[in-house]
Structures are given as C-alpha cells and as structure tokens.
Amino acid sequence: MEGICYIVGAGPIEDLLLEPSEKDFVIAADAGYLQMARLSAVPDLVVGDFDSMTQRPNHPNVIVYPKEKDATDMLLAIDEGLRRGYQKLVILGGLGGRLDHSLANIQALSYIAQKNARGYLLGDGTAVTVIKDGCMTFDGEKKGVISVFCCGETAKGVTLKGLKYPLNDAVVTGSFPIGVSNEFTGFQSEVTVSNGSLIVMWEEKAADFIDFLKETCYSSL
C-alpha cells in the first residue's frame, strides 16, 4: 500500500510535526496516545494494554489487549500497520526512554524487514532502520555520524561506499562492532548487505525525516 504508517510510542519525541496525507495511517501504541494528546494530534487507531494509563483512551477506534502477553504494545501496533498493507512504518517515541524498550523496538525493525517491509525508528536525534539482503543509498547532502551493526550472528557481503571508513564485501559479525561511528563525507554513500541483516543508524532531525524518506533509495538484492 502507498503511504506511511506512523506509530507513536511513549518515549521522548522532539517536535512532532506530524502531517499525514490521506494515504497515511497513524497508530498510537499504548501511552503514545498521551503523547499525541499533548501535541494536539489525533491517531486513527489506538492499540495496547494501557497498563501505564489510568483509564482506557477516549477514542472511537481502540484495540485492548491483556496485560500479560508475549508481544509488546509497539509490536502489536506494527502488526496492525502491516495487516493494513503498509510497506513503510515510521515509529516515533520509540528511542531514548528505557533501554530495554529501545532494544525491543530495534528488534522490531528486524521483524518488519522479515515481512518484506521497511521500518524506521526516529527519536533523540537519531534514525534507525534494518536492511535485509539489500542496499540503502544516501545522497551527498547527508552529514554526521552513521553506524552499521550486524543484526544477527553474521552478515555477509557487507559493502560501505562513500563513507569515511569503507568496507568491501566483508563479513560482519554480531560480536565485533566494526561499523560503529563511521561518517558521511559529502558524497553519495551506500550500505549494502548481500546475505543477512544490518542495523543502520544515523543522525537525523525529526523535522527533516520525511524529506529524507523522499530522497533515500532502498532496493532488495
């Protein structure tokens, strides 16, 4: 499906300049509903067990789950976006809070990639995605730090082009963080993995992210 599924969590959000188009869909994950209320924004759907809230949200479209469950509220919201056919999911308020929740949300990006969709975490001045058997291209305007980590035991055919520290057809493992603290150089750059998955994170302002989505290019190998 065309458009973007935005999912809002309870973590820190810089400035939520959320202006969804008619093709977009907005989901509040549990206490992310309170985040949106503070910012005078209204979701299309609210999902969660609401154990961190004093009462069920006053919203016409609410899906309530039991407190004791296997999936996080964020993962349940992701499933709702995928079920509706969205191929791009942008998660706001999923970084910078509790470390265990941030890590769970990064793992959720791998879950999205396994479903042949693209997920992005955005917050705390950082954007994160997971690419699987694919190539991600950044234009020459991108500045700052970029880090690339193996998502799993081994990622093969890892190539970094146009960055300060290049790699060519390398094998990257989950036990040695060779891709940490790389840098953009002012030239077009690429991150490629031919077999496996990579966590890619870079400096990104929330206000600039939608423009970034229009400029970046991702392709499967």
Protein backbone atom coordinates (compact mmCIF):
# COMPACT_ATOMS: atom_id res chain seq x y z
CA MET A 1 0.00 0.00 0.00
CA GLU A 2 1.15 3.53 -0.75
CA GLY A 3 1.60 5.94 2.13
CA ILE A 4 3.24 5.68 5.54
CA CYS A 5 2.03 4.06 8.73
CA TYR A 6 3.12 6.23 11.65
CA ILE A 7 3.28 4.59 15.07
CA VAL A 8 3.67 6.80 18.13
CA GLY A 9 5.11 5.37 21.34
CA ALA A 10 5.55 6.77 24.82
CA GLY A 11 9.26 7.60 24.52
CA PRO A 12 10.74 11.08 24.06
CA ILE A 13 9.68 12.97 20.94
CA GLU A 14 11.48 16.13 19.81
CA ASP A 15 8.83 18.09 17.93
CA LEU A 16 6.06 16.01 16.41
CA LEU A 17 5.32 17.80 13.16
CA LEU A 18 3.05 15.02 12.02
CA GLU A 19 1.07 15.98 8.94
CA PRO A 20 -0.18 12.67 7.49
CA SER A 21 -1.60 12.57 3.99
CA GLU A 22 -4.86 10.86 3.08
CA LYS A 23 -2.89 7.70 2.26
CA ASP A 24 -1.15 7.60 5.64
CA PHE A 25 -2.33 5.88 8.82
CA VAL A 26 -1.47 6.86 12.41
CA ILE A 27 -1.45 4.40 15.32
CA ALA A 28 -0.88 5.31 18.97
CA ALA A 29 0.82 2.47 20.85
CA ASP A 30 -0.48 2.44 24.43
CA ALA A 31 0.70 5.60 26.26
CA GLY A 32 1.72 7.04 22.91
CA TYR A 33 -1.89 8.21 22.95
CA LEU A 34 -0.97 10.63 25.75
CA GLN A 35 1.97 11.88 23.71
CA MET A 36 -0.34 12.69 20.83
CA ALA A 37 -2.88 14.34 23.11
CA ARG A 38 -0.19 16.64 24.49
CA LEU A 39 0.73 17.60 20.95
CA SER A 40 -2.90 18.07 19.87
CA ALA A 41 -2.64 15.25 17.34
CA VAL A 42 -5.29 12.56 16.78
CA PRO A 43 -4.47 8.94 15.80
CA ASP A 44 -6.58 6.76 13.53
CA LEU A 45 -6.21 3.79 15.89
CA VAL A 46 -5.07 3.18 19.48
CA VAL A 47 -3.54 -0.19 20.45
CA GLY A 48 -2.29 -1.55 23.79
CA ASP A 49 -2.99 -2.97 27.24
CA PHE A 50 -2.98 0.55 28.77
CA ASP A 51 -1.34 -0.61 31.99
CA SER A 52 0.56 2.68 32.17
CA MET A 53 -2.61 4.77 31.88
CA THR A 54 -5.33 5.44 34.45
CA GLN A 55 -8.13 4.66 32.01
CA ARG A 56 -8.90 3.43 28.53
CA PRO A 57 -8.40 6.14 25.86
CA ASN A 58 -11.48 8.08 24.85
CA HIS A 59 -11.18 7.23 21.17
CA PRO A 60 -13.62 5.57 18.74
CA ASN A 61 -11.06 3.03 17.47
CA VAL A 62 -9.32 1.20 20.32
CA ILE A 63 -7.95 -2.35 20.42
CA VAL A 64 -7.39 -3.54 24.00
CA TYR A 65 -5.02 -6.42 24.77
CA PRO A 66 -4.46 -8.24 28.08
CA LYS A 67 -1.57 -7.06 30.25
CA GLU A 68 0.05 -10.49 30.22
CA LYS A 69 1.01 -11.19 26.61
CA ASP A 70 4.03 -12.20 24.52
CA ALA A 71 4.21 -9.15 22.22
CA THR A 72 4.95 -5.57 23.23
CA ASP A 73 2.34 -2.88 22.58
CA MET A 74 4.65 -1.48 19.91
CA LEU A 75 4.87 -4.83 18.12
CA LEU A 76 1.09 -5.18 18.24
CA ALA A 77 0.79 -1.74 16.64
CA ILE A 78 3.32 -2.76 13.99
CA ASP A 79 1.24 -5.84 13.18
CA GLU A 80 -1.81 -3.61 12.70
CA GLY A 81 0.12 -1.47 10.22
CA LEU A 82 1.42 -4.50 8.32
CA ARG A 83 -2.04 -6.08 8.28
CA ARG A 84 -3.33 -2.98 6.53
CA GLY A 85 -0.71 -3.42 3.81
CA TYR A 86 1.70 -0.61 4.65
CA GLN A 87 5.26 -1.13 3.41
CA LYS A 88 6.77 1.87 5.24
CA LEU A 89 6.36 2.18 9.00
CA VAL A 90 7.80 5.14 10.92
CA ILE A 91 7.98 4.72 14.69
CA LEU A 92 8.12 7.91 16.78
CA GLY A 93 8.77 7.89 20.51
CA GLY A 94 10.49 4.51 20.43
CA LEU A 95 14.02 5.63 21.34
CA GLY A 96 15.68 7.38 24.23
CA GLY A 97 13.50 6.09 27.05
CA ARG A 98 14.02 2.75 28.78
CA LEU A 99 16.95 0.86 27.27
CA ASP A 100 15.07 -2.45 27.18
CA HIS A 101 12.22 -0.88 25.23
CA SER A 102 14.64 0.82 22.81
CA LEU A 103 16.34 -2.53 22.17
CA ALA A 104 12.97 -4.26 21.74
CA ASN A 105 11.98 -1.61 19.18
CA ILE A 106 15.22 -2.12 17.23
CA GLN A 107 14.48 -5.85 17.17
CA ALA A 108 11.00 -4.96 15.91
CA LEU A 109 12.67 -3.32 12.90
CA SER A 110 14.18 -6.72 12.07
CA TYR A 111 10.68 -8.22 12.38
CA ILE A 112 9.40 -5.65 9.88
CA ALA A 113 12.27 -6.40 7.47
CA GLN A 114 11.45 -10.11 7.62
CA LYS A 115 7.93 -9.19 6.49
CA ASN A 116 9.46 -7.50 3.39
CA ALA A 117 8.58 -4.03 4.64
CA ARG A 118 10.71 -1.10 5.85
CA GLY A 119 10.64 0.17 9.40
CA TYR A 120 12.26 3.29 10.83
CA LEU A 121 12.75 4.36 14.43
CA LEU A 122 13.03 8.09 14.92
CA GLY A 123 13.86 10.00 18.09
CA ASP A 124 16.55 11.51 20.28
CA GLY A 125 18.21 12.99 17.17
CA THR A 126 18.68 9.54 15.65
CA ALA A 127 17.10 7.42 12.92
CA VAL A 128 17.43 3.63 12.84
CA THR A 129 16.43 1.04 10.27
CA VAL A 130 17.20 -2.60 9.46
CA ILE A 131 18.04 -3.67 5.92
CA LYS A 132 17.89 -7.32 4.85
CA ASP A 133 19.59 -8.60 1.68
CA GLY A 134 19.52 -5.10 0.22
CA CYS A 135 21.17 -1.76 -0.47
CA MET A 136 20.44 1.65 1.06
CA THR A 137 21.66 4.84 -0.62
CA PHE A 138 22.17 8.28 0.96
CA ASP A 139 22.60 11.44 -1.08
CA GLY A 140 25.66 13.69 -0.78
CA GLU A 141 23.84 16.21 1.42
CA LYS A 142 23.78 13.85 4.39
CA LYS A 143 26.15 14.83 7.21
CA GLY A 144 27.18 13.48 10.60
CA VAL A 145 27.78 10.03 12.07
CA ILE A 146 26.43 6.74 10.72
CA SER A 147 26.89 3.34 12.37
CA VAL A 148 26.27 -0.10 10.90
CA PHE A 149 25.89 -3.25 13.03
CA CYS A 150 25.23 -6.88 12.26
CA CYS A 151 21.65 -7.83 13.11
CA GLY A 152 22.08 -11.49 13.98
CA GLU A 153 25.15 -13.71 14.10
CA THR A 154 26.63 -12.95 10.67
CA ALA A 155 26.04 -10.56 7.78
CA LYS A 156 27.85 -11.36 4.53
CA GLY A 157 28.71 -9.22 1.55
CA VAL A 158 28.73 -6.00 3.56
CA THR A 159 29.92 -3.06 1.47
CA LEU A 160 30.15 0.56 2.59
CA LYS A 161 30.80 3.10 -0.16
CA GLY A 162 31.24 6.86 0.06
CA LEU A 163 31.78 6.82 3.84
CA LYS A 164 34.95 7.78 5.72
CA TYR A 165 35.69 4.13 6.53
CA PRO A 166 34.77 1.87 3.57
CA LEU A 167 34.23 -1.87 3.52
CA ASN A 168 34.14 -4.17 0.51
CA ASP A 169 32.31 -7.50 0.51
CA ALA A 170 33.10 -8.01 4.21
CA VAL A 171 31.71 -10.48 6.72
CA VAL A 172 30.41 -8.62 9.79
CA THR A 173 29.52 -10.45 12.98
CA GLY A 174 27.34 -9.59 15.93
CA SER A 175 30.27 -9.90 18.34
CA PHE A 176 32.61 -7.28 16.80
CA PRO A 177 31.22 -3.75 16.18
CA ILE A 178 33.45 -2.78 13.27
CA GLY A 179 30.82 -0.45 11.80
CA VAL A 180 30.42 1.92 14.76
CA SER A 181 30.99 5.69 14.36
CA ASN A 182 31.52 5.95 10.62
CA GLU A 183 30.92 9.31 8.92
CA PHE A 184 29.27 10.76 5.83
CA THR A 185 31.74 12.52 3.54
CA GLY A 186 29.64 14.84 1.38
CA PHE A 187 29.40 12.28 -1.43
CA GLN A 188 26.66 9.80 -2.25
CA SER A 189 27.05 6.78 0.00
CA GLU A 190 25.75 3.20 0.07
CA VAL A 191 25.26 0.49 2.66
CA THR A 192 24.85 -2.99 1.17
CA VAL A 193 24.40 -6.47 2.63
CA SER A 194 24.03 -9.42 0.25
CA ASN A 195 23.19 -12.09 2.82
CA GLY A 196 21.84 -11.18 6.24
CA SER A 197 20.60 -8.08 8.03
CA LEU A 198 22.20 -4.85 9.21
CA ILE A 199 21.12 -2.27 11.77
CA VAL A 200 21.81 1.17 10.28
CA MET A 201 21.62 4.27 12.48
CA TRP A 202 22.50 7.85 11.69
CA GLU A 203 21.97 11.39 12.95
CA GLU A 204 18.60 12.72 11.84
CA LYS A 205 16.31 15.52 12.97
CA ALA A 206 12.63 14.62 13.21
CA ALA A 207 11.68 17.71 11.22
CA ASP A 208 13.89 16.61 8.29
CA PHE A 209 12.97 12.93 8.23
CA ILE A 210 10.06 12.98 5.79
CA ASP A 211 12.24 14.80 3.25
CA PHE A 212 14.89 12.14 3.86
CA LEU A 213 12.38 9.39 3.04
CA LYS A 214 11.72 11.07 -0.30
CA GLU A 215 15.44 11.34 -1.09
CA THR A 216 16.78 7.97 0.06
CA CYS A 217 16.73 4.87 -2.09
CA TYR A 218 16.39 1.28 -0.91
CA SER A 219 16.45 -1.80 -3.10
CA SER A 220 16.46 -5.55 -2.47
CA LEU A 221 19.23 -7.65 -3.99
